[in-house]
Amino acid sequence: MNQPKVLADICEQLAAGERHITGVMVESHINAGRQDVPPEGPGALKHGVSITDACVDWETTVAMLDGLNAAVGRRRERLLEQGLRKPSAV
């Protein structure tokens, strides 16, 4: 559950105009957490829960991506105001 906290910090940096952050990695799945393969075998795995890394759930993922989108938009506005980035046609 540290991922949303870390991403919020990254969003603050982006909104402040940080230009060296170009990507993030989010461990995401349908449901939060992780699981080991149970003794009963793979058929007993919980649907939508990772068996590798602990993940945030879908709703948290959407909120994190929305936050990133807003932060990048603020960074673009700030850079345009400073004349450091020209608007593109794309």
C-alpha atoms as a PDB file:
ATOM      1  CA  MET A   1       0.000   0.000   0.000  1.00  0.00           C
ATOM      2  CA  ASN A   2       3.031   2.289  -0.288  1.00  0.00           C
ATOM      3  CA  GLN A   3       2.539   2.682  -4.028  1.00  0.00           C
ATOM      4  CA  PRO A   4      -0.193   5.362  -3.758  1.00  0.00           C
ATOM      5  CA  LYS A   5       1.949   7.333  -1.267  1.00  0.00           C
ATOM      6  CA  VAL A   6       5.013   7.195  -3.511  1.00  0.00           C
ATOM      7  CA  LEU A   7       2.966   8.087  -6.571  1.00  0.00           C
ATOM      8  CA  ALA A   8       1.422  11.068  -4.746  1.00  0.00           C
ATOM      9  CA  ASP A   9       4.945  12.353  -4.070  1.00  0.00           C
ATOM     10  CA  ILE A  10       5.870  11.860  -7.724  1.00  0.00           C
ATOM     11  CA  CYS A  11       2.728  13.755  -8.736  1.00  0.00           C
ATOM     12  CA  GLU A  12       3.767  16.679  -6.524  1.00  0.00           C
ATOM     13  CA  GLN A  13       7.174  16.719  -8.194  1.00  0.00           C
ATOM     14  CA  LEU A  14       5.648  16.604 -11.660  1.00  0.00           C
ATOM     15  CA  ALA A  15       3.133  19.352 -10.878  1.00  0.00           C
ATOM     16  CA  ALA A  16       6.035  21.486  -9.618  1.00  0.00           C
ATOM     17  CA  GLY A  17       7.683  21.177 -13.034  1.00  0.00           C
ATOM     18  CA  GLU A  18      10.105  18.272 -12.567  1.00  0.00           C
ATOM     19  CA  ARG A  19      11.286  17.261 -16.032  1.00  0.00           C
ATOM     20  CA  HIS A  20      13.512  14.270 -15.246  1.00  0.00           C
ATOM     21  CA  ILE A  21      10.711  11.858 -14.311  1.00  0.00           C
ATOM     22  CA  THR A  22       9.516  10.228 -17.506  1.00  0.00           C
ATOM     23  CA  GLY A  23       7.716   7.143 -16.271  1.00  0.00           C
ATOM     24  CA  VAL A  24       6.520   5.100 -13.322  1.00  0.00           C
ATOM     25  CA  MET A  25       5.865   1.438 -12.661  1.00  0.00           C
ATOM     26  CA  VAL A  26       2.666   0.444 -10.903  1.00  0.00           C
ATOM     27  CA  GLU A  27       2.133  -3.104  -9.637  1.00  0.00           C
ATOM     28  CA  SER A  28      -1.578  -3.500 -10.371  1.00  0.00           C
ATOM     29  CA  HIS A  29      -4.176  -6.253 -10.597  1.00  0.00           C
ATOM     30  CA  ILE A  30      -7.942  -6.631 -10.294  1.00  0.00           C
ATOM     31  CA  ASN A  31      -7.743  -7.183  -6.524  1.00  0.00           C
ATOM     32  CA  ALA A  32      -5.117  -5.950  -4.067  1.00  0.00           C
ATOM     33  CA  GLY A  33      -2.384  -8.060  -2.516  1.00  0.00           C
ATOM     34  CA  ARG A  34      -0.572 -11.199  -3.511  1.00  0.00           C
ATOM     35  CA  GLN A  35      -0.932 -14.912  -2.900  1.00  0.00           C
ATOM     36  CA  ASP A  36       1.069 -18.098  -2.993  1.00  0.00           C
ATOM     37  CA  VAL A  37      -0.184 -21.141  -4.845  1.00  0.00           C
ATOM     38  CA  PRO A  38      -2.188 -23.014  -2.183  1.00  0.00           C
ATOM     39  CA  PRO A  39      -1.471 -26.650  -1.294  1.00  0.00           C
ATOM     40  CA  GLU A  40      -4.656 -27.590  -3.190  1.00  0.00           C
ATOM     41  CA  GLY A  41      -2.981 -26.379  -6.388  1.00  0.00           C
ATOM     42  CA  PRO A  42      -3.559 -23.594  -8.925  1.00  0.00           C
ATOM     43  CA  GLY A  43      -7.270 -24.316  -9.114  1.00  0.00           C
ATOM     44  CA  ALA A  44      -7.659 -22.921  -5.589  1.00  0.00           C
ATOM     45  CA  LEU A  45      -6.092 -19.539  -6.414  1.00  0.00           C
ATOM     46  CA  LYS A  46      -8.228 -16.455  -5.772  1.00  0.00           C
ATOM     47  CA  HIS A  47      -9.323 -14.781  -9.011  1.00  0.00           C
ATOM     48  CA  GLY A  48      -7.678 -11.447  -9.746  1.00  0.00           C
ATOM     49  CA  VAL A  49      -4.959 -11.615  -7.075  1.00  0.00           C
ATOM     50  CA  SER A  50      -1.301 -11.632  -8.129  1.00  0.00           C
ATOM     51  CA  ILE A  51       0.929 -14.635  -7.445  1.00  0.00           C
ATOM     52  CA  THR A  52       4.113 -12.627  -7.931  1.00  0.00           C
ATOM     53  CA  ASP A  53       4.262  -9.122  -6.467  1.00  0.00           C
ATOM     54  CA  ALA A  54       1.859  -7.386  -4.096  1.00  0.00           C
ATOM     55  CA  CYS A  55      -0.433  -5.217  -6.198  1.00  0.00           C
ATOM     56  CA  VAL A  56      -2.870  -2.377  -5.753  1.00  0.00           C
ATOM     57  CA  ASP A  57      -6.433  -3.062  -6.814  1.00  0.00           C
ATOM     58  CA  TRP A  58      -8.129  -1.728  -9.945  1.00  0.00           C
ATOM     59  CA  GLU A  59      -9.890   1.186  -8.231  1.00  0.00           C
ATOM     60  CA  THR A  60      -6.610   2.355  -6.664  1.00  0.00           C
ATOM     61  CA  THR A  61      -4.880   1.992 -10.025  1.00  0.00           C
ATOM     62  CA  VAL A  62      -7.458   4.213 -11.728  1.00  0.00           C
ATOM     63  CA  ALA A  63      -7.114   6.858  -8.997  1.00  0.00           C
ATOM     64  CA  MET A  64      -3.315   6.751  -9.281  1.00  0.00           C
ATOM     65  CA  LEU A  65      -3.416   7.144 -13.062  1.00  0.00           C
ATOM     66  CA  ASP A  66      -5.920   9.986 -12.795  1.00  0.00           C
ATOM     67  CA  GLY A  67      -3.561  11.712 -10.356  1.00  0.00           C
ATOM     68  CA  LEU A  68      -0.634  11.246 -12.729  1.00  0.00           C
ATOM     69  CA  ASN A  69      -2.641  12.620 -15.614  1.00  0.00           C
ATOM     70  CA  ALA A  70      -3.561  15.740 -13.634  1.00  0.00           C
ATOM     71  CA  ALA A  71       0.035  16.235 -12.439  1.00  0.00           C
ATOM     72  CA  VAL A  72       1.449  15.938 -15.956  1.00  0.00           C
ATOM     73  CA  GLY A  73      -1.141  18.449 -17.145  1.00  0.00           C
ATOM     74  CA  ARG A  74      -0.032  20.903 -14.443  1.00  0.00           C
ATOM     75  CA  ARG A  75       3.604  20.322 -15.402  1.00  0.00           C
ATOM     76  CA  ARG A  76       2.802  21.105 -19.043  1.00  0.00           C
ATOM     77  CA  GLU A  77       0.996  24.286 -18.030  1.00  0.00           C
ATOM     78  CA  ARG A  78       3.896  25.356 -15.830  1.00  0.00           C
ATOM     79  CA  LEU A  79       6.474  24.669 -18.537  1.00  0.00           C
ATOM     80  CA  LEU A  80       4.412  26.531 -21.120  1.00  0.00           C
ATOM     81  CA  GLU A  81       4.158  29.502 -18.760  1.00  0.00           C
ATOM     82  CA  GLN A  82       7.937  29.437 -18.381  1.00  0.00           C
ATOM     83  CA  GLY A  83       8.395  29.142 -22.129  1.00  0.00           C
ATOM     84  CA  LEU A  84      10.338  25.878 -21.743  1.00  0.00           C
ATOM     85  CA  ARG A  85       8.091  23.733 -23.858  1.00  0.00           C
ATOM     86  CA  LYS A  86       6.245  24.645 -27.006  1.00  0.00           C
ATOM     87  CA  PRO A  87       2.813  23.108 -27.565  1.00  0.00           C
ATOM     88  CA  SER A  88       2.843  20.242 -30.014  1.00  0.00           C
ATOM     89  CA  ALA A  89       0.316  19.441 -32.708  1.00  0.00           C
ATOM     90  CA  VAL A  90      -0.095  15.949 -31.238  1.00  0.00           C
END
